[in-house]
């Protein structure tokens, strides 16, 4: 019986001592920590280093009645036979702190990481009707907050017949100076712009600048007489298909309309219609976008702009559930340039290429993990040419058109930019537009002759598009 009692005391005392060590080891306090041993001694540990905290048991004087065992990190833990330490342990610990639970090996099936379990329980008890009501209330609040920053734009466009034509679109307030962001095609060729707010105020506006490659434009209001509320700007880099998307605009002239859906896809490339360059990292959504939505914001669930609605894919010129928005991360680079400089400069590599497909991979017997963009042509004296990047050796005419219709598929394959892996030509275009500027030095990962090499390059600038 004595042996059993001693064993119990040994076990309880060891756990209490281990608790003291853990408290000292985890403490971030700047004050010294005092540990009381079972023989009435006190050991003061200065928080100079984690090493001292972890090894606090090593600094205690061990009495003849103490036993030492080694823990998982080779730090001695003092287990005492003393009744004094045994009395410190709660003989009836709560279930959540049960000593037995530390040894029985049973998994904890309860929820992990709920800082407010009562809130989680309340949410789990919501009825479907209450969930729908909460969502409706949230969307109504998002609308009321964002709509004060959305505008209806009417553009008067002179016609060859002498009669004026009119078009309409959407936009949103960028700053308190009166700058409005919209699509270029909304204000294209207009000689008069009228901008209307949700509160009924109307103003004339002038064109500041535009960017054809991204189909973006900035206009500025004249003689503003009410307080402007810039819209909340979000981020597009971390978007995932399935997330909520909210479109605000003026479809078919129906002012200040809200539609909802989800993000259907990300990282699309899209021709702007005004440039040979593609808009990178375009957001695809099934939120209804129709003529008149152009230039309006695409919002996330919290009402922050994630894109500028720009195009739809439809045979009937009406929403078919496939709409596209210029990513806001590109907008955040282009718009300040348009306001401050009157134009935006994009970085240029001076190549043409396409995604590595299974046909290319089989033709060149490429490893399955080689992805990226195969270089087809290299502009003479361009950045890629100066860096030694090789294009496909298929014979071409002076305009770069392939003679004979066949590639040799022997150009360099760009697999990374600045150590960021590329999966496609779309990835390459997006990275350059969103992360680099003319004159930047970058390192390109090239797969050539069966090995991957690093090639430094100084980026150039795209030619201006008028």
Protein backbone atom coordinates (compact mmCIF):
# COMPACT_ATOMS: atom_id res chain seq x y z
CA UNK A 1 0.00 0.00 0.00
CA UNK A 2 2.90 2.31 0.89
CA UNK A 3 4.43 1.66 -2.49
CA UNK A 4 1.17 2.61 -4.25
CA UNK A 5 0.88 5.80 -2.18
CA UNK A 6 4.45 6.80 -2.95
CA UNK A 7 3.93 6.11 -6.63
CA UNK A 8 0.86 8.36 -6.66
CA UNK A 9 2.77 11.14 -4.91
CA UNK A 10 5.64 10.68 -7.32
CA UNK A 11 3.29 10.99 -10.29
CA UNK A 12 1.43 14.06 -8.95
CA UNK A 13 4.60 15.78 -7.88
CA UNK A 14 6.17 15.21 -11.28
CA UNK A 15 3.21 16.73 -13.08
CA UNK A 16 3.21 19.80 -10.83
CA UNK A 17 6.94 20.28 -11.33
CA UNK A 18 6.53 19.87 -15.07
CA UNK A 19 3.77 22.50 -14.98
CA UNK A 20 6.12 24.92 -13.21
CA UNK A 21 8.79 24.33 -15.84
CA UNK A 22 6.29 24.88 -18.66
CA UNK A 23 5.05 28.11 -17.09
CA UNK A 24 8.58 29.42 -16.79
CA UNK A 25 9.47 28.32 -20.30
CA UNK A 26 6.42 29.99 -21.85
CA UNK A 27 6.48 33.18 -19.84
CA UNK A 28 7.19 36.36 -21.77
CA UNK A 29 7.39 38.48 -18.67
CA UNK A 30 10.36 40.72 -18.09
CA UNK A 31 10.15 40.02 -14.32
CA UNK A 32 12.24 37.24 -12.72
CA UNK A 33 10.39 33.94 -12.20
CA UNK A 34 10.50 32.33 -8.76
CA UNK A 35 10.20 28.55 -8.50
CA UNK A 36 9.55 26.95 -5.10
CA UNK A 37 11.10 23.53 -4.57
CA UNK A 38 9.83 20.90 -2.15
CA UNK A 39 12.66 21.57 0.31
CA UNK A 40 11.74 25.19 0.88
CA UNK A 41 14.37 26.59 -1.46
CA UNK A 42 13.60 29.29 -4.00
CA UNK A 43 15.32 29.53 -7.33
CA UNK A 44 15.12 32.88 -9.17
CA UNK A 45 15.41 32.60 -12.94
CA UNK A 46 16.22 35.78 -14.88
CA UNK A 47 14.43 35.91 -18.27
CA UNK A 48 17.67 36.52 -20.14
CA UNK A 49 17.18 33.63 -22.51
CA UNK A 50 14.86 30.79 -23.35
CA UNK A 51 17.66 28.40 -22.47
CA UNK A 52 17.47 29.46 -18.82
CA UNK A 53 13.70 29.11 -18.78
CA UNK A 54 13.67 25.65 -20.30
CA UNK A 55 16.39 24.38 -18.01
CA UNK A 56 15.06 25.92 -14.79
CA UNK A 57 14.96 22.53 -13.08
CA UNK A 58 18.71 22.21 -13.59
CA UNK A 59 19.35 25.20 -11.31
CA UNK A 60 17.58 23.73 -8.27
CA UNK A 61 19.44 21.94 -5.50
CA UNK A 62 18.26 18.34 -5.43
CA UNK A 63 17.53 16.93 -2.01
CA UNK A 64 18.15 13.27 -1.15
CA UNK A 65 14.40 12.62 -1.36
CA UNK A 66 14.11 13.84 -4.97
CA UNK A 67 14.21 11.69 -8.07
CA UNK A 68 15.38 12.84 -11.51
CA UNK A 69 14.00 11.59 -14.81
CA UNK A 70 14.83 12.86 -18.30
CA UNK A 71 12.16 14.65 -20.33
CA UNK A 72 11.80 14.77 -24.10
CA UNK A 73 14.29 17.60 -24.48
CA UNK A 74 16.90 16.10 -22.14
CA UNK A 75 16.14 18.59 -19.37
CA UNK A 76 15.95 17.02 -15.87
CA UNK A 77 12.56 17.33 -14.20
CA UNK A 78 12.41 17.13 -10.41
CA UNK A 79 9.84 14.66 -9.11
CA UNK A 80 9.33 15.03 -5.37
CA UNK A 81 8.26 12.59 -2.74
CA UNK A 82 7.18 15.53 -0.56
CA UNK A 83 3.61 15.94 0.61
CA UNK A 84 3.98 19.71 0.12
CA UNK A 85 4.12 19.43 -3.67
CA UNK A 86 1.46 16.75 -3.78
CA UNK A 87 -0.91 19.10 -1.97
CA UNK A 88 -0.42 21.72 -4.69
CA UNK A 89 -2.10 19.48 -7.22
CA UNK A 90 -5.88 19.61 -7.46
CA UNK A 91 -7.11 16.15 -6.44
CA UNK A 92 -10.24 16.65 -8.56
CA UNK A 93 -9.14 18.50 -11.69
CA UNK A 94 -11.79 19.69 -14.18
CA UNK A 95 -12.56 17.36 -17.04
CA UNK A 96 -10.80 19.63 -19.56
CA UNK A 97 -7.61 19.43 -17.49
CA UNK A 98 -7.86 15.81 -16.42
CA UNK A 99 -4.54 14.16 -15.60
CA UNK A 100 -5.88 10.93 -16.98
CA UNK A 101 -6.52 12.56 -20.35
CA UNK A 102 -2.83 13.27 -20.70
CA UNK A 103 -2.04 9.57 -20.60
CA UNK A 104 -5.02 7.74 -22.03
CA UNK A 105 -4.13 8.57 -25.67
CA UNK A 106 -7.75 9.20 -26.67
CA UNK A 107 -8.23 11.86 -29.37
CA UNK A 108 -10.00 15.09 -28.48
CA UNK A 109 -13.11 15.22 -30.65
CA UNK A 110 -14.11 18.72 -29.56
CA UNK A 111 -13.79 21.85 -31.72
CA UNK A 112 -10.32 23.37 -31.97
CA UNK A 113 -9.52 27.06 -31.98
CA UNK A 114 -12.93 28.56 -31.15
CA UNK A 115 -12.07 31.68 -29.22
CA UNK A 116 -15.77 32.25 -28.54
CA UNK A 117 -17.43 28.82 -28.30
CA UNK A 118 -20.72 30.38 -27.21
CA UNK A 119 -20.79 32.40 -30.48
CA UNK A 120 -20.02 29.32 -32.56
CA UNK A 121 -22.83 27.50 -30.75
CA UNK A 122 -25.22 30.39 -31.41
CA UNK A 123 -24.36 30.42 -35.11
CA UNK A 124 -24.88 26.68 -35.37
CA UNK A 125 -28.38 27.15 -33.98
CA UNK A 126 -29.49 29.60 -36.70
CA UNK A 127 -32.39 28.41 -38.78
CA UNK A 128 -32.11 28.51 -42.59
CA UNK A 129 -34.49 31.48 -42.61
CA UNK A 130 -32.29 33.35 -40.15
CA UNK A 131 -29.21 32.64 -42.24
CA UNK A 132 -30.93 34.02 -45.35
CA UNK A 133 -32.14 37.06 -43.41
CA UNK A 134 -28.61 37.75 -42.12
CA UNK A 135 -27.17 37.47 -45.64
CA UNK A 136 -29.83 39.78 -47.04
CA UNK A 137 -29.17 42.35 -44.34
CA UNK A 138 -25.44 42.19 -45.01
CA UNK A 139 -25.87 42.69 -48.77
CA UNK A 140 -28.24 45.61 -48.17
CA UNK A 141 -25.62 47.22 -45.92
CA UNK A 142 -22.90 46.68 -48.53
CA UNK A 143 -25.10 48.30 -51.17
CA UNK A 144 -25.91 51.33 -49.03
CA UNK A 145 -22.24 51.88 -48.24
CA UNK A 146 -20.86 51.36 -51.75
CA UNK A 147 -23.58 52.95 -53.90
CA UNK A 148 -22.71 56.46 -52.72
CA UNK A 149 -19.34 55.99 -54.48
CA UNK A 150 -20.76 54.58 -57.75
CA UNK A 151 -21.69 56.83 -60.67
CA UNK A 152 -23.77 56.70 -63.85
CA UNK A 153 -21.86 58.10 -66.83
CA UNK A 154 -23.55 59.39 -69.99
CA UNK A 155 -21.22 60.12 -72.91
CA UNK A 156 -22.23 62.32 -75.85
CA UNK A 157 -20.38 61.21 -78.96
CA UNK A 158 -20.46 63.22 -82.22
CA UNK A 159 -21.61 61.25 -85.24
CA UNK A 160 -20.67 61.65 -88.94
CA UNK A 161 -24.33 62.33 -89.68
CA UNK A 162 -24.16 65.47 -87.57
CA UNK A 163 -26.50 64.08 -84.96
CA UNK A 164 -25.06 63.29 -81.53
CA UNK A 165 -24.94 59.73 -80.28
CA UNK A 166 -25.12 58.77 -76.62
CA UNK A 167 -23.68 55.92 -74.67
CA UNK A 168 -23.71 55.11 -71.00
CA UNK A 169 -21.68 53.20 -68.49
CA UNK A 170 -20.55 53.15 -64.90
CA UNK A 171 -17.66 54.28 -62.76
CA UNK A 172 -16.64 54.86 -59.15
CA UNK A 173 -15.06 57.58 -57.01
CA UNK A 174 -11.31 57.14 -56.65
CA UNK A 175 -10.45 60.09 -54.39
CA UNK A 176 -11.82 63.26 -52.86
CA UNK A 177 -10.25 65.32 -55.66
CA UNK A 178 -13.05 64.23 -58.00
CA UNK A 179 -11.27 61.52 -60.01
CA UNK A 180 -13.58 58.82 -61.35
CA UNK A 181 -12.37 55.44 -62.66
CA UNK A 182 -14.17 53.80 -65.57
CA UNK A 183 -13.47 51.86 -68.78
CA UNK A 184 -11.89 53.56 -71.77
CA UNK A 185 -14.64 52.29 -74.03
CA UNK A 186 -17.25 54.09 -71.90
CA UNK A 187 -15.76 57.53 -72.65
CA UNK A 188 -14.19 56.76 -76.04
CA UNK A 189 -14.57 59.67 -78.51
CA UNK A 190 -16.93 61.54 -76.18
CA UNK A 191 -16.98 65.32 -76.35
CA UNK A 192 -19.22 65.72 -73.31
CA UNK A 193 -19.52 63.63 -70.15
CA UNK A 194 -22.29 63.81 -67.55
CA UNK A 195 -21.83 62.02 -64.23
CA UNK A 196 -24.75 61.27 -61.92
CA UNK A 197 -24.64 60.13 -58.29
CA UNK A 198 -27.10 58.06 -56.30
CA UNK A 199 -28.09 61.17 -54.33
CA UNK A 200 -29.24 62.81 -57.57
CA UNK A 201 -26.31 65.22 -57.98
CA UNK A 202 -25.04 65.60 -61.56
CA UNK A 203 -21.77 67.05 -62.81
CA UNK A 204 -19.88 67.59 -66.04
CA UNK A 205 -16.54 65.82 -66.25
CA UNK A 206 -13.35 65.98 -68.30
CA UNK A 207 -11.14 63.13 -69.48
CA UNK A 208 -7.80 62.98 -67.64
CA UNK A 209 -6.08 60.02 -69.32
CA UNK A 210 -6.62 56.45 -70.44
CA UNK A 211 -4.80 53.15 -70.81
CA UNK A 212 -5.78 51.18 -73.89
CA UNK A 213 -3.98 48.00 -72.84
CA UNK A 214 -6.15 47.65 -69.72
CA UNK A 215 -9.28 49.43 -71.08
CA UNK A 216 -9.14 51.87 -68.16
CA UNK A 217 -9.73 55.62 -68.04
CA UNK A 218 -9.82 58.40 -65.45
CA UNK A 219 -12.15 61.38 -65.69
CA UNK A 220 -12.46 64.33 -63.29
CA UNK A 221 -15.59 66.07 -62.06
CA UNK A 222 -16.06 69.81 -62.40
CA UNK A 223 -17.26 72.07 -59.59
CA UNK A 224 -18.20 69.38 -57.07
CA UNK A 225 -20.76 70.58 -54.52
CA UNK A 226 -21.11 67.60 -52.20
CA UNK A 227 -18.75 65.46 -50.17
CA UNK A 228 -17.23 62.70 -52.26
CA UNK A 229 -16.78 59.26 -50.70
CA UNK A 230 -13.96 57.25 -52.34
CA UNK A 231 -14.86 53.61 -52.69
CA UNK A 232 -13.03 51.03 -50.59
CA UNK A 233 -10.23 49.44 -52.60
CA UNK A 234 -9.45 45.77 -51.95
CA UNK A 235 -7.04 43.23 -53.40
CA UNK A 236 -7.33 40.71 -56.20
CA UNK A 237 -4.20 38.59 -55.69
CA UNK A 238 -5.70 36.14 -53.22
CA UNK A 239 -9.11 35.66 -54.83
CA UNK A 240 -10.46 32.13 -55.22
CA UNK A 241 -13.26 30.72 -57.35
CA UNK A 242 -16.37 30.32 -55.24
CA UNK A 243 -16.01 33.56 -53.30
CA UNK A 244 -18.91 36.02 -53.39
CA UNK A 245 -18.85 38.71 -56.09
CA UNK A 246 -21.08 41.79 -56.22
CA UNK A 247 -21.47 43.97 -59.32
CA UNK A 248 -22.72 47.56 -59.07
CA UNK A 249 -23.55 49.64 -62.11
CA UNK A 250 -26.16 50.83 -64.55
CA UNK A 251 -27.07 47.98 -66.92
CA UNK A 252 -29.19 49.10 -69.88
CA UNK A 253 -29.38 52.51 -68.22
CA UNK A 254 -31.12 51.07 -65.17
CA UNK A 255 -29.39 53.24 -62.60
CA UNK A 256 -27.53 51.88 -59.57
CA UNK A 257 -28.29 48.21 -59.96
CA UNK A 258 -26.77 45.49 -57.79
CA UNK A 259 -26.26 41.89 -58.91
CA UNK A 260 -24.54 39.06 -57.07
CA UNK A 261 -22.80 35.84 -57.94
CA UNK A 262 -19.46 34.19 -57.38
CA UNK A 263 -15.96 34.43 -58.73
CA UNK A 264 -16.01 31.79 -61.45
CA UNK A 265 -12.30 31.84 -62.34
CA UNK A 266 -9.17 33.90 -61.89
CA UNK A 267 -5.96 34.52 -63.84
CA UNK A 268 -7.65 34.80 -67.23
CA UNK A 269 -6.07 36.89 -69.98
CA UNK A 270 -8.35 39.02 -72.11
CA UNK A 271 -7.87 41.23 -75.15
CA UNK A 272 -8.85 44.78 -74.35
CA UNK A 273 -9.97 45.38 -77.92
CA UNK A 274 -7.68 48.40 -78.25
CA UNK A 275 -4.22 46.84 -77.99
CA UNK A 276 -2.25 43.81 -79.12
CA UNK A 277 -1.43 43.23 -75.45
CA UNK A 278 -3.73 41.28 -73.17
CA UNK A 279 -5.21 42.35 -69.84
CA UNK A 280 -3.60 40.03 -67.26
CA UNK A 281 -5.08 38.20 -64.27
CA UNK A 282 -8.66 39.00 -65.30
CA UNK A 283 -11.46 37.95 -62.92
CA UNK A 284 -14.33 35.91 -64.35
CA UNK A 285 -17.70 36.10 -62.58
CA UNK A 286 -21.25 34.87 -63.04
CA UNK A 287 -22.68 37.98 -61.36
CA UNK A 288 -24.93 39.46 -64.05
CA UNK A 289 -22.99 42.03 -66.10
CA UNK A 290 -24.73 43.72 -69.01
CA UNK A 291 -24.13 46.73 -71.29
CA UNK A 292 -24.01 49.72 -68.97
CA UNK A 293 -22.16 47.83 -66.21
CA UNK A 294 -18.86 48.62 -67.94
CA UNK A 295 -16.55 50.65 -65.73
CA UNK A 296 -18.46 49.82 -62.55
CA UNK A 297 -16.93 48.04 -59.56
CA UNK A 298 -16.89 44.35 -58.83
CA UNK A 299 -16.90 44.00 -55.05
CA UNK A 300 -16.04 41.30 -52.57
CA UNK A 301 -18.40 40.27 -49.77
CA UNK A 302 -17.23 43.19 -47.63
CA UNK A 303 -17.84 45.83 -50.30
CA UNK A 304 -14.20 46.37 -51.33
CA UNK A 305 -13.38 46.71 -55.03
CA UNK A 306 -11.69 43.64 -56.48
CA UNK A 307 -12.12 44.53 -60.15
CA UNK A 308 -13.55 46.86 -62.79
CA UNK A 309 -16.31 45.25 -64.86
CA UNK A 310 -15.27 45.43 -68.49
CA UNK A 311 -16.64 42.72 -70.81
CA UNK A 312 -19.16 39.93 -71.21
CA UNK A 313 -19.05 36.87 -73.41
CA UNK A 314 -22.42 36.51 -75.08
CA UNK A 315 -24.04 35.84 -78.44
CA UNK A 316 -27.00 38.04 -77.52
CA UNK A 317 -25.12 41.03 -76.06
CA UNK A 318 -26.71 40.20 -72.71
CA UNK A 319 -25.45 38.43 -69.60
CA UNK A 320 -24.84 34.75 -70.11
CA UNK A 321 -23.14 34.23 -66.78
CA UNK A 322 -19.65 34.89 -68.16
CA UNK A 323 -18.44 38.38 -67.25
CA UNK A 324 -14.93 39.72 -66.85
CA UNK A 325 -13.34 42.37 -64.65
CA UNK A 326 -9.94 44.07 -64.76
CA UNK A 327 -8.19 43.01 -61.51
CA UNK A 328 -7.94 45.79 -58.94
CA UNK A 329 -4.24 45.05 -58.36
CA UNK A 330 -3.64 46.24 -61.92
CA UNK A 331 -6.00 49.20 -61.43
CA UNK A 332 -3.97 50.26 -58.38
CA UNK A 333 -0.85 50.46 -60.57
CA UNK A 334 -2.41 52.08 -63.63
CA UNK A 335 -4.73 54.72 -62.17
CA UNK A 336 -2.12 56.64 -60.13
CA UNK A 337 0.09 56.74 -63.25
CA UNK A 338 -2.77 58.12 -65.32
CA UNK A 339 -3.52 60.81 -62.73
CA UNK A 340 0.10 61.82 -62.11
CA UNK A 341 1.78 61.20 -65.48
CA UNK A 342 -1.01 60.98 -68.03
CA UNK A 343 0.02 57.45 -69.04
CA UNK A 344 1.16 54.12 -67.62
CA UNK A 345 4.34 52.29 -68.67
CA UNK A 346 4.45 48.50 -68.67
CA UNK A 347 7.56 46.35 -68.42
CA UNK A 348 8.60 44.54 -71.61
CA UNK A 349 10.63 41.36 -72.20
CA UNK A 350 10.48 41.42 -75.97
CA UNK A 351 9.24 37.90 -76.68
CA UNK A 352 6.22 36.06 -77.94
CA UNK A 353 5.37 32.66 -76.54
CA UNK A 354 2.72 30.18 -75.59
CA UNK A 355 1.96 27.71 -72.86
CA UNK A 356 3.84 24.40 -72.82
CA UNK A 357 1.20 21.91 -73.94
CA UNK A 358 1.23 18.13 -73.99
CA UNK A 359 2.03 18.21 -77.72
CA UNK A 360 5.13 20.31 -77.07
CA UNK A 361 6.09 18.15 -74.13
CA UNK A 362 5.78 14.94 -76.15
CA UNK A 363 7.55 16.41 -79.18
CA UNK A 364 10.55 17.55 -77.16
CA UNK A 365 10.42 14.72 -74.61
CA UNK A 366 10.19 17.21 -71.78
CA UNK A 367 9.88 16.08 -68.15
CA UNK A 368 6.32 16.18 -66.89
CA UNK A 369 7.08 18.80 -64.26
CA UNK A 370 8.34 21.36 -66.78
CA UNK A 371 5.64 24.02 -67.07
CA UNK A 372 5.67 27.61 -68.22
CA UNK A 373 5.94 29.43 -71.55
CA UNK A 374 7.95 28.35 -74.55
CA UNK A 375 9.58 31.27 -76.35
CA UNK A 376 8.58 31.46 -80.02
CA UNK A 377 10.06 34.77 -81.14
CA UNK A 378 12.58 37.20 -79.66
CA UNK A 379 12.53 40.88 -80.64
CA UNK A 380 15.86 41.91 -82.13
CA UNK A 381 17.85 44.07 -79.69
CA UNK A 382 15.06 43.77 -77.11
CA UNK A 383 15.64 42.89 -73.44
CA UNK A 384 15.30 39.12 -74.03
CA UNK A 385 17.62 39.25 -77.05
CA UNK A 386 20.23 41.19 -75.04
CA UNK A 387 19.97 38.62 -72.26
CA UNK A 388 20.57 35.71 -74.65
CA UNK A 389 17.07 34.19 -74.62
CA UNK A 390 16.54 31.85 -77.57
CA UNK A 391 13.39 31.66 -79.65
CA UNK A 392 12.07 28.85 -81.85
CA UNK A 393 14.21 28.17 -84.94
CA UNK A 394 11.25 27.72 -87.27
CA UNK A 395 11.69 29.87 -90.39
CA UNK A 396 9.71 33.11 -90.35
CA UNK A 397 9.12 36.10 -92.60
CA UNK A 398 10.06 39.70 -91.77
CA UNK A 399 6.81 40.13 -89.80
CA UNK A 400 7.52 37.12 -87.63
CA UNK A 401 4.96 34.91 -89.34
CA UNK A 402 5.94 31.26 -89.46
CA UNK A 403 6.77 29.88 -92.91
CA UNK A 404 5.53 26.36 -93.54
CA UNK A 405 3.16 26.46 -90.58
CA UNK A 406 5.28 24.33 -88.25
CA UNK A 407 7.25 25.17 -85.12
CA UNK A 408 10.39 23.31 -84.17
CA UNK A 409 9.47 23.70 -80.48
CA UNK A 410 13.10 24.28 -79.59
CA UNK A 411 12.88 27.74 -78.01
CA UNK A 412 13.78 28.36 -74.39
CA UNK A 413 11.08 27.51 -71.86
CA UNK A 414 10.56 30.14 -69.18
CA UNK A 415 9.77 28.23 -66.00
CA UNK A 416 10.18 30.99 -63.39
CA UNK A 417 10.52 34.73 -62.86
CA UNK A 418 12.41 35.84 -59.75
CA UNK A 419 12.05 32.27 -58.42
CA UNK A 420 8.24 32.36 -58.83
CA UNK A 421 7.20 29.29 -60.83
CA UNK A 422 5.24 29.91 -64.02
CA UNK A 423 2.55 27.50 -65.15
CA UNK A 424 1.67 29.26 -68.38
CA UNK A 425 2.16 32.27 -70.62
CA UNK A 426 -0.76 33.85 -68.76
CA UNK A 427 1.20 33.59 -65.53
CA UNK A 428 4.19 35.29 -67.16
CA UNK A 429 2.08 38.17 -68.53
CA UNK A 430 0.37 38.63 -65.17
CA UNK A 431 3.59 38.63 -63.18
CA UNK A 432 5.23 41.23 -65.41
CA UNK A 433 2.21 43.56 -65.35
CA UNK A 434 1.51 43.32 -61.63
CA UNK A 435 4.98 43.03 -60.12
CA UNK A 436 7.53 44.76 -62.36
CA UNK A 437 8.28 48.10 -63.99
CA UNK A 438 10.51 49.20 -66.88
CA UNK A 439 14.18 49.12 -65.89
CA UNK A 440 13.74 46.42 -63.23
CA UNK A 441 16.38 43.71 -63.05
CA UNK A 442 14.91 40.23 -62.84
CA UNK A 443 16.17 36.65 -62.96
CA UNK A 444 14.52 34.29 -65.44
CA UNK A 445 14.52 30.54 -64.93
CA UNK A 446 15.09 28.88 -68.33
CA UNK A 447 14.78 25.19 -69.23
CA UNK A 448 17.25 24.63 -72.04
CA UNK A 449 18.96 21.49 -73.35
CA UNK A 450 17.58 19.38 -70.54
CA UNK A 451 18.70 21.59 -67.64
CA UNK A 452 17.37 24.66 -65.85
CA UNK A 453 19.55 27.76 -65.82
CA UNK A 454 19.19 31.28 -64.43
CA UNK A 455 19.42 34.23 -66.83
CA UNK A 456 19.54 37.85 -65.58
CA UNK A 457 17.60 40.43 -67.58
CA UNK A 458 16.88 44.16 -67.44
CA UNK A 459 13.30 44.83 -68.49
CA UNK A 460 12.44 47.37 -71.14
CA UNK A 461 9.28 49.38 -71.69
CA UNK A 462 6.34 48.73 -73.98
CA UNK A 463 5.95 51.18 -76.83
CA UNK A 464 3.27 53.81 -76.28
CA UNK A 465 -0.15 53.04 -77.76
CA UNK A 466 -2.14 55.98 -79.08
